[in-house]
Amino acid sequence: MKRKRQTIMLKLITVLMLNIWAIPADDILSPSINILAELEKITNMESRIKSMENEMEQLKTKNTAQELELKALNVQMNERKIKMDELVRENQAQAKKLEALDGTMNYIQTKTDEILKQNYASKVAFSTSLLSSHGPLSSLHTLIYKHIFLNVGNAYDASTGIFTAPMRGVYMFVVFSKAYGGRDKAVVAGLFKNNEHVFSTYSRHDGGFISASNGVSLLLEKDDRVNVNLYPGYYIFDNEHHHSTFSGHLLFQM
């Protein structure tokens, strides 16, 4: 900077000397030429140039500082952008986890509902008694057990005496049959599945009460029908004390 000012001063002095040389000798000695005033102008100009140089240096310093600030801001912005991208990725991952969790919860809820529904639907049991005596009759006769002790699942129809399987599964059935009187009051009652004989209860006695019982487990398809038939020429006894009963329940689904 010092060399630059010296160069400017030399140029100004040179210009001044050229101007002086260009002036006639008489004019140099004339009082209209004030060398000191010209030198003062040069000095003032130098001061102004120096001041401008200082201002330029200050502006340059400020610009440098602003550039550093801008760089720092850019670094901060990049760091924040990186953090924002990380947060976005984390949020997306969490959203996927929540979505998967929702799917799992919905699956669990669906399965729970299905299990509860199956458990409710699989509760099948009934127990009945005749309430009155029947026979002897000339043909096979379906016994209608009218007194209901239990009918969970409503699979037994008290108006027909028929049990209808609500689902495929293994069921157990028990029949107790009783008769009263002499040899002509023998009891023969059989369990039928879809009108096919499965087992019989049989008892004959010379007098008094006689009874027979039997039971079986059957694999039934949905809508299979089970009932008890009294055979022709035989007799079965019952009253309000429930001597003759027909019961069954679902053991498990298949």
Protein backbone atom coordinates (compact mmCIF):
# COMPACT_ATOMS: atom_id res chain seq x y z
CA MET A 1 0.00 0.00 0.00
CA LYS A 2 2.89 2.39 0.80
CA ARG A 3 4.44 1.79 -2.60
CA LYS A 4 1.09 2.43 -4.22
CA ARG A 5 0.76 5.80 -2.46
CA GLN A 6 4.30 6.72 -3.46
CA THR A 7 3.50 5.94 -7.07
CA ILE A 8 0.37 8.11 -6.92
CA MET A 9 2.40 10.97 -5.38
CA LEU A 10 5.05 10.72 -8.07
CA LYS A 11 2.38 10.85 -10.73
CA LEU A 12 0.79 13.92 -9.18
CA ILE A 13 4.14 15.71 -8.82
CA THR A 14 4.98 14.84 -12.41
CA VAL A 15 1.68 16.27 -13.59
CA LEU A 16 2.29 19.40 -11.54
CA MET A 17 5.82 19.84 -12.92
CA LEU A 18 4.57 19.42 -16.46
CA ASN A 19 1.97 22.06 -15.83
CA ILE A 20 4.62 24.37 -14.41
CA TRP A 21 6.90 23.84 -17.38
CA ALA A 22 4.09 24.57 -19.73
CA ILE A 23 3.53 27.96 -18.11
CA PRO A 24 5.60 30.91 -19.46
CA ALA A 25 8.37 32.21 -17.23
CA ASP A 26 6.53 35.44 -16.61
CA ASP A 27 3.51 33.53 -15.35
CA ILE A 28 5.57 31.49 -12.94
CA LEU A 29 6.65 34.65 -11.24
CA SER A 30 3.12 35.94 -11.36
CA PRO A 31 1.24 36.01 -8.05
CA SER A 32 -1.68 33.97 -9.70
CA ILE A 33 0.29 30.71 -9.30
CA ASN A 34 0.17 29.35 -5.75
CA ILE A 35 2.43 26.32 -5.53
CA LEU A 36 1.74 25.86 -1.85
CA ALA A 37 -2.00 25.68 -2.53
CA GLU A 38 -1.45 23.08 -5.22
CA LEU A 39 0.72 21.04 -2.90
CA GLU A 40 -1.96 21.28 -0.24
CA LYS A 41 -4.50 19.99 -2.75
CA ILE A 42 -2.17 17.10 -3.52
CA THR A 43 -1.80 16.39 0.20
CA ASN A 44 -5.56 16.49 0.66
CA MET A 45 -6.02 14.21 -2.28
CA GLU A 46 -3.47 11.82 -0.83
CA SER A 47 -5.36 11.87 2.48
CA ARG A 48 -8.61 11.14 0.70
CA ILE A 49 -7.00 8.32 -1.24
CA LYS A 50 -5.58 6.91 1.99
CA SER A 51 -9.01 7.19 3.61
CA MET A 52 -10.60 5.43 0.64
CA GLU A 53 -7.96 2.71 0.84
CA ASN A 54 -8.71 2.27 4.54
CA GLU A 55 -12.44 2.05 3.81
CA MET A 56 -11.73 -0.51 1.10
CA GLU A 57 -9.66 -2.55 3.55
CA GLN A 58 -12.47 -2.36 6.10
CA LEU A 59 -15.00 -3.42 3.48
CA LYS A 60 -12.75 -6.27 2.44
CA THR A 61 -12.42 -7.33 6.09
CA LYS A 62 -16.20 -7.15 6.50
CA ASN A 63 -16.71 -9.13 3.31
CA THR A 64 -14.25 -11.77 4.53
CA ALA A 65 -16.10 -11.98 7.86
CA GLN A 66 -19.43 -12.22 6.07
CA GLU A 67 -18.07 -14.97 3.84
CA LEU A 68 -16.94 -16.86 6.94
CA GLU A 69 -20.36 -16.33 8.51
CA LEU A 70 -22.03 -17.57 5.33
CA LYS A 71 -19.81 -20.64 5.29
CA ALA A 72 -20.64 -21.30 8.95
CA LEU A 73 -24.35 -20.86 8.18
CA ASN A 74 -24.05 -23.25 5.25
CA VAL A 75 -22.36 -25.80 7.50
CA GLN A 76 -25.14 -25.38 10.08
CA MET A 77 -27.82 -25.67 7.40
CA ASN A 78 -26.20 -28.82 6.02
CA GLU A 79 -25.98 -30.30 9.52
CA ARG A 80 -29.62 -29.45 10.15
CA LYS A 81 -30.60 -30.94 6.80
CA ILE A 82 -28.74 -34.13 7.67
CA LYS A 83 -30.52 -34.26 11.04
CA MET A 84 -33.85 -33.56 9.38
CA ASP A 85 -33.23 -36.36 6.87
CA GLU A 86 -32.34 -38.69 9.75
CA LEU A 87 -35.53 -37.71 11.60
CA VAL A 88 -37.58 -38.26 8.46
CA ARG A 89 -36.04 -41.71 8.02
CA GLU A 90 -36.65 -42.52 11.69
CA ASN A 91 -40.25 -41.34 11.39
CA GLN A 92 -40.73 -43.44 8.28
CA ALA A 93 -39.26 -46.47 10.04
CA GLN A 94 -41.49 -45.87 13.07
CA ALA A 95 -44.50 -45.45 10.79
CA LYS A 96 -43.69 -48.81 9.17
CA LYS A 97 -43.31 -50.42 12.59
CA LEU A 98 -46.62 -48.94 13.73
CA GLU A 99 -48.26 -50.14 10.53
CA ALA A 100 -46.84 -53.61 11.08
CA LEU A 101 -47.94 -53.48 14.73
CA ASP A 102 -51.43 -52.42 13.68
CA GLY A 103 -51.53 -55.31 11.25
CA THR A 104 -50.40 -57.69 13.99
CA MET A 105 -52.97 -56.31 16.42
CA ASN A 106 -55.71 -56.63 13.82
CA TYR A 107 -54.61 -60.20 13.11
CA ILE A 108 -54.59 -61.02 16.83
CA GLN A 109 -58.00 -59.41 17.26
CA THR A 110 -59.39 -61.34 14.30
CA LYS A 111 -57.97 -64.61 15.60
CA THR A 112 -59.23 -63.86 19.11
CA ASP A 113 -62.70 -63.16 17.76
CA GLU A 114 -62.57 -66.39 15.76
CA ILE A 115 -61.46 -68.38 18.82
CA LEU A 116 -64.13 -66.79 20.99
CA LYS A 117 -66.70 -67.48 18.32
CA GLN A 118 -65.52 -71.07 17.97
CA ASN A 119 -65.49 -71.52 21.74
CA TYR A 120 -68.99 -70.14 21.98
CA ALA A 121 -70.19 -72.16 19.01
CA SER A 122 -68.46 -75.33 20.25
CA LYS A 123 -70.35 -75.34 23.53
CA VAL A 124 -72.96 -77.95 22.68
CA ALA A 125 -74.66 -80.07 25.34
CA PHE A 126 -78.18 -81.27 26.12
CA SER A 127 -79.92 -83.46 28.66
CA THR A 128 -83.62 -84.43 28.57
CA SER A 129 -86.25 -86.76 29.96
CA LEU A 130 -89.48 -88.20 28.54
CA LEU A 131 -91.89 -87.08 31.30
CA SER A 132 -94.42 -89.72 30.19
CA SER A 133 -94.62 -93.44 29.31
CA HIS A 134 -94.91 -94.83 25.76
CA GLY A 135 -95.83 -98.16 24.13
CA PRO A 136 -96.35 -100.70 23.15
CA LEU A 137 -96.74 -99.52 19.53
CA SER A 138 -97.04 -101.34 16.23
CA SER A 139 -94.17 -99.53 14.48
CA LEU A 140 -90.85 -97.85 15.20
CA HIS A 141 -91.62 -94.72 17.16
CA THR A 142 -89.45 -91.64 17.68
CA LEU A 143 -89.34 -90.72 21.35
CA ILE A 144 -89.75 -87.02 22.11
CA TYR A 145 -87.98 -86.15 25.34
CA LYS A 146 -89.96 -83.11 26.44
CA HIS A 147 -88.35 -82.13 29.72
CA ILE A 148 -85.18 -80.08 29.12
CA PHE A 149 -82.51 -80.12 31.81
CA LEU A 150 -79.96 -78.47 29.56
CA ASN A 151 -79.80 -77.42 25.91
CA VAL A 152 -76.62 -75.39 25.33
CA GLY A 153 -76.38 -74.48 21.67
CA ASN A 154 -80.04 -75.35 21.08
CA ALA A 155 -79.09 -78.35 18.96
CA TYR A 156 -81.81 -80.54 20.48
CA ASP A 157 -85.37 -79.91 19.24
CA ALA A 158 -87.90 -80.64 21.99
CA SER A 159 -90.75 -80.65 19.46
CA THR A 160 -89.29 -83.52 17.39
CA GLY A 161 -86.91 -85.29 19.80
CA ILE A 162 -84.08 -84.94 17.26
CA PHE A 163 -80.56 -83.65 17.92
CA THR A 164 -78.95 -81.94 14.89
CA ALA A 165 -75.15 -81.55 14.92
CA PRO A 166 -74.28 -77.84 14.53
CA MET A 167 -70.71 -78.63 13.42
CA ARG A 168 -68.38 -81.48 12.52
CA GLY A 169 -66.99 -83.14 15.64
CA VAL A 170 -66.99 -86.02 18.06
CA TYR A 171 -70.11 -86.25 20.21
CA MET A 172 -71.02 -88.51 23.10
CA PHE A 173 -74.58 -89.78 23.68
CA VAL A 174 -76.10 -91.66 26.64
CA VAL A 175 -79.58 -93.22 26.85
CA PHE A 176 -81.24 -94.46 30.06
CA SER A 177 -84.46 -96.43 29.57
CA LYS A 178 -86.81 -97.79 32.26
CA ALA A 179 -89.90 -99.98 32.32
CA TYR A 180 -92.32 -101.07 35.04
CA GLY A 181 -94.47 -104.16 35.25
CA GLY A 182 -94.27 -107.77 34.11
CA ARG A 183 -92.59 -109.52 31.20
CA ASP A 184 -94.97 -107.86 28.76
CA LYS A 185 -93.45 -104.50 29.74
CA ALA A 186 -89.92 -105.12 28.41
CA VAL A 187 -88.03 -102.04 27.18
CA VAL A 188 -86.15 -101.82 23.89
CA ALA A 189 -85.12 -98.33 22.78
CA GLY A 190 -82.39 -97.65 20.26
CA LEU A 191 -80.15 -94.71 19.29
CA PHE A 192 -80.27 -93.82 15.59
CA LYS A 193 -77.99 -91.65 13.47
CA ASN A 194 -79.56 -90.39 10.25
CA ASN A 195 -82.23 -93.15 10.60
CA GLU A 196 -79.59 -95.87 10.97
CA HIS A 197 -79.40 -97.99 14.13
CA VAL A 198 -76.36 -97.36 16.37
CA PHE A 199 -77.11 -99.15 19.67
CA SER A 200 -80.02 -100.39 21.82
CA THR A 201 -81.05 -100.33 25.46
CA TYR A 202 -82.83 -103.59 26.41
CA SER A 203 -84.22 -105.02 29.64
CA ARG A 204 -86.90 -107.60 30.56
CA HIS A 205 -88.10 -108.53 34.03
CA ASP A 206 -90.86 -110.59 35.58
CA GLY A 207 -92.11 -107.70 37.70
CA GLY A 208 -91.31 -104.33 39.19
CA PHE A 209 -88.98 -101.73 37.71
CA ILE A 210 -86.42 -102.65 35.06
CA SER A 211 -83.85 -100.37 33.43
CA ALA A 212 -81.17 -100.35 30.75
CA SER A 213 -78.57 -97.88 29.63
CA ASN A 214 -76.02 -97.49 26.88
CA GLY A 215 -73.69 -94.86 25.48
CA VAL A 216 -71.49 -94.15 22.48
CA SER A 217 -69.16 -91.54 20.96
CA LEU A 218 -69.82 -90.66 17.32
CA LEU A 219 -68.09 -88.62 14.66
CA LEU A 220 -70.84 -86.43 13.24
CA GLU A 221 -70.83 -84.19 10.24
CA LYS A 222 -72.64 -80.87 10.36
CA ASP A 223 -76.43 -81.42 10.19
CA ASP A 224 -76.25 -85.12 11.04
CA ARG A 225 -79.37 -86.14 13.03
CA VAL A 226 -79.46 -88.30 16.16
CA ASN A 227 -82.57 -89.50 18.02
CA VAL A 228 -83.96 -92.38 20.11
CA ASN A 229 -86.61 -94.75 18.72
CA LEU A 230 -88.86 -97.16 20.64
CA TYR A 231 -89.08 -100.52 18.92
CA PRO A 232 -92.52 -102.02 18.01
CA GLY A 233 -94.19 -104.04 20.78
CA TYR A 234 -92.04 -102.60 23.57
CA TYR A 235 -92.63 -100.16 26.38
CA ILE A 236 -90.76 -97.32 28.13
CA PHE A 237 -91.67 -95.74 31.43
CA ASP A 238 -91.25 -92.19 32.74
CA ASN A 239 -92.96 -89.56 34.88
CA GLU A 240 -92.08 -86.37 36.72
CA HIS A 241 -89.21 -88.20 38.44
CA HIS A 242 -87.31 -88.48 35.15
CA HIS A 243 -86.48 -92.19 34.94
CA SER A 244 -85.80 -92.30 31.18
CA THR A 245 -83.33 -89.77 29.78
CA PHE A 246 -81.48 -88.88 26.59
CA SER A 247 -78.29 -86.78 26.84
CA GLY A 248 -75.39 -85.77 24.64
CA HIS A 249 -72.58 -83.24 24.24
CA LEU A 250 -69.77 -82.25 21.94
CA LEU A 251 -66.38 -83.62 23.00
CA PHE A 252 -64.30 -81.72 20.45
CA GLN A 253 -64.47 -80.31 16.94
CA MET A 254 -62.87 -82.01 13.95
